C-alpha atoms as a PDB file:
ATOM      1  CA  MET A   1       0.000   0.000   0.000  1.00  0.00           C
ATOM      2  CA  THR A   2       2.900   2.357   0.693  1.00  0.00           C
ATOM      3  CA  VAL A   3       3.985   2.503  -2.954  1.00  0.00           C
ATOM      4  CA  LEU A   4       0.672   4.077  -4.007  1.00  0.00           C
ATOM      5  CA  PHE A   5       1.125   7.309  -2.082  1.00  0.00           C
ATOM      6  CA  SER A   6       3.787   9.948  -1.665  1.00  0.00           C
ATOM      7  CA  GLU A   7       5.464  10.347   1.704  1.00  0.00           C
ATOM      8  CA  HIS A   8       3.364  13.431   2.561  1.00  0.00           C
ATOM      9  CA  GLU A   9       0.010  11.745   1.767  1.00  0.00           C
ATOM     10  CA  THR A  10      -0.274  10.215   5.225  1.00  0.00           C
ATOM     11  CA  GLU A  11      -4.023  10.748   5.649  1.00  0.00           C
ATOM     12  CA  MET A  12      -4.912   9.134   2.309  1.00  0.00           C
ATOM     13  CA  LYS A  13      -2.499   6.270   3.015  1.00  0.00           C
ATOM     14  CA  GLY A  14      -4.208   5.729   6.387  1.00  0.00           C
ATOM     15  CA  TRP A  15      -7.647   5.595   4.760  1.00  0.00           C
ATOM     16  CA  ALA A  16      -6.438   3.112   2.162  1.00  0.00           C
ATOM     17  CA  GLU A  17      -4.869   0.886   4.834  1.00  0.00           C
ATOM     18  CA  ASP A  18      -8.066   1.028   6.907  1.00  0.00           C
ATOM     19  CA  TYR A  19     -10.111   0.070   3.848  1.00  0.00           C
ATOM     20  CA  GLN A  20      -7.730  -2.780   3.038  1.00  0.00           C
ATOM     21  CA  THR A  21      -8.042  -4.064   6.622  1.00  0.00           C
ATOM     22  CA  TYR A  22     -11.845  -3.763   6.462  1.00  0.00           C
ATOM     23  CA  CYS A  23     -11.978  -5.738   3.185  1.00  0.00           C
ATOM     24  CA  ALA A  24      -9.751  -8.447   4.642  1.00  0.00           C
ATOM     25  CA  ASP A  25     -11.754  -8.647   7.891  1.00  0.00           C
ATOM     26  CA  GLU A  26     -15.023  -8.963   5.968  1.00  0.00           C
ATOM     27  CA  ASN A  27     -13.548 -11.521   3.524  1.00  0.00           C
ATOM     28  CA  LEU A  28     -14.495  -9.333   0.570  1.00  0.00           C
ATOM     29  CA  PHE A  29     -11.428 -10.310  -1.409  1.00  0.00           C
ATOM     30  CA  ASP A  30     -10.022 -13.809  -1.142  1.00  0.00           C
ATOM     31  CA  THR A  31      -6.296 -13.438  -1.637  1.00  0.00           C
ATOM     32  CA  SER A  32      -5.370 -16.784  -0.052  1.00  0.00           C
ATOM     33  CA  LYS A  33      -4.661 -18.392  -3.421  1.00  0.00           C
ATOM     34  CA  HIS A  34      -1.964 -15.762  -4.004  1.00  0.00           C
ATOM     35  CA  THR A  35      -0.540 -15.765  -0.477  1.00  0.00           C
ATOM     36  CA  MET A  36       2.443 -17.652   0.939  1.00  0.00           C
ATOM     37  CA  ARG A  37       3.040 -17.879   4.662  1.00  0.00           C
ATOM     38  CA  VAL A  38       6.722 -18.066   5.557  1.00  0.00           C
ATOM     39  CA  VAL A  39       7.398 -19.105   9.127  1.00  0.00           C
ATOM     40  CA  PRO A  40      10.694 -19.269  11.020  1.00  0.00           C
ATOM     41  CA  CYS A  41      11.475 -22.616  12.596  1.00  0.00           C
ATOM     42  CA  GLY A  42      15.156 -22.425  13.586  1.00  0.00           C
ATOM     43  CA  ASP A  43      16.624 -25.718  14.750  1.00  0.00           C
ATOM     44  CA  ARG A  44      13.344 -27.595  14.173  1.00  0.00           C
ATOM     45  CA  PHE A  45      13.593 -27.158  10.388  1.00  0.00           C
ATOM     46  CA  ASP A  46      14.316 -30.842   9.625  1.00  0.00           C
ATOM     47  CA  LEU A  47      11.593 -32.003  12.015  1.00  0.00           C
ATOM     48  CA  ASN A  48       9.035 -29.728  10.326  1.00  0.00           C
ATOM     49  CA  LEU A  49       9.961 -31.057   6.887  1.00  0.00           C
ATOM     50  CA  ARG A  50       9.955 -34.698   7.940  1.00  0.00           C
ATOM     51  CA  TYR A  51       6.484 -34.578   9.513  1.00  0.00           C
ATOM     52  CA  GLY A  52       4.951 -31.747   7.477  1.00  0.00           C
ATOM     53  CA  VAL A  53       3.895 -29.794  10.552  1.00  0.00           C
ATOM     54  CA  TYR A  54       4.652 -26.442  12.121  1.00  0.00           C
ATOM     55  CA  PHE A  55       3.764 -25.406  15.662  1.00  0.00           C
ATOM     56  CA  HIS A  56       3.576 -21.790  16.752  1.00  0.00           C
ATOM     57  CA  PRO A  57       2.249 -19.865  19.756  1.00  0.00           C
ATOM     58  CA  SER A  58      -1.486 -19.128  19.624  1.00  0.00           C
ATOM     59  CA  GLY A  59      -0.769 -15.415  20.006  1.00  0.00           C
ATOM     60  CA  ARG A  60       0.865 -15.145  16.587  1.00  0.00           C
ATOM     61  CA  SER A  61      -1.173 -13.646  13.806  1.00  0.00           C
ATOM     62  CA  TYR A  62      -2.685 -15.799  11.097  1.00  0.00           C
ATOM     63  CA  SER A  63      -4.131 -15.078   7.678  1.00  0.00           C
ATOM     64  CA  PRO A  64      -5.598 -17.441   5.086  1.00  0.00           C
ATOM     65  CA  HIS A  65      -2.985 -18.798   2.684  1.00  0.00           C
ATOM     66  CA  ARG A  66      -2.573 -21.551   0.132  1.00  0.00           C
ATOM     67  CA  TYR A  67       1.202 -22.022   0.287  1.00  0.00           C
ATOM     68  CA  ARG A  68       3.504 -22.563   3.258  1.00  0.00           C
ATOM     69  CA  SER A  69       7.212 -22.230   3.600  1.00  0.00           C
ATOM     70  CA  VAL A  70       9.554 -22.768   6.516  1.00  0.00           C
ATOM     71  CA  SER A  71      12.795 -20.891   6.920  1.00  0.00           C
ATOM     72  CA  ARG A  72      15.916 -21.055   8.997  1.00  0.00           C
ATOM     73  CA  GLN A  73      18.553 -18.429   9.628  1.00  0.00           C
ATOM     74  CA  GLY A  74      16.581 -15.762   7.792  1.00  0.00           C
ATOM     75  CA  GLY A  75      16.336 -17.548   4.441  1.00  0.00           C
ATOM     76  CA  THR A  76      13.491 -19.538   2.971  1.00  0.00           C
ATOM     77  CA  GLY A  77      14.362 -23.202   3.124  1.00  0.00           C
ATOM     78  CA  ALA A  78      11.374 -25.246   1.856  1.00  0.00           C
ATOM     79  CA  TYR A  79       8.027 -24.650   0.221  1.00  0.00           C
END
């Protein structure tokens, strides 16, 4: 969203971000088929690949997605 507005257009950028959040919250646009979730897994990378699972704290955010990827040491490791 930031690329659509100049640096000084803060109010318009805020409105656009609010509208984008509203559309997502109301499921008006399904973007899950175009979305990849990349999650860090550190030293459990091999375990996640072997069993095809990923555990994360319930407090982390979540959004609908079709593709998953796990990463270690800041780089994407597997899709």
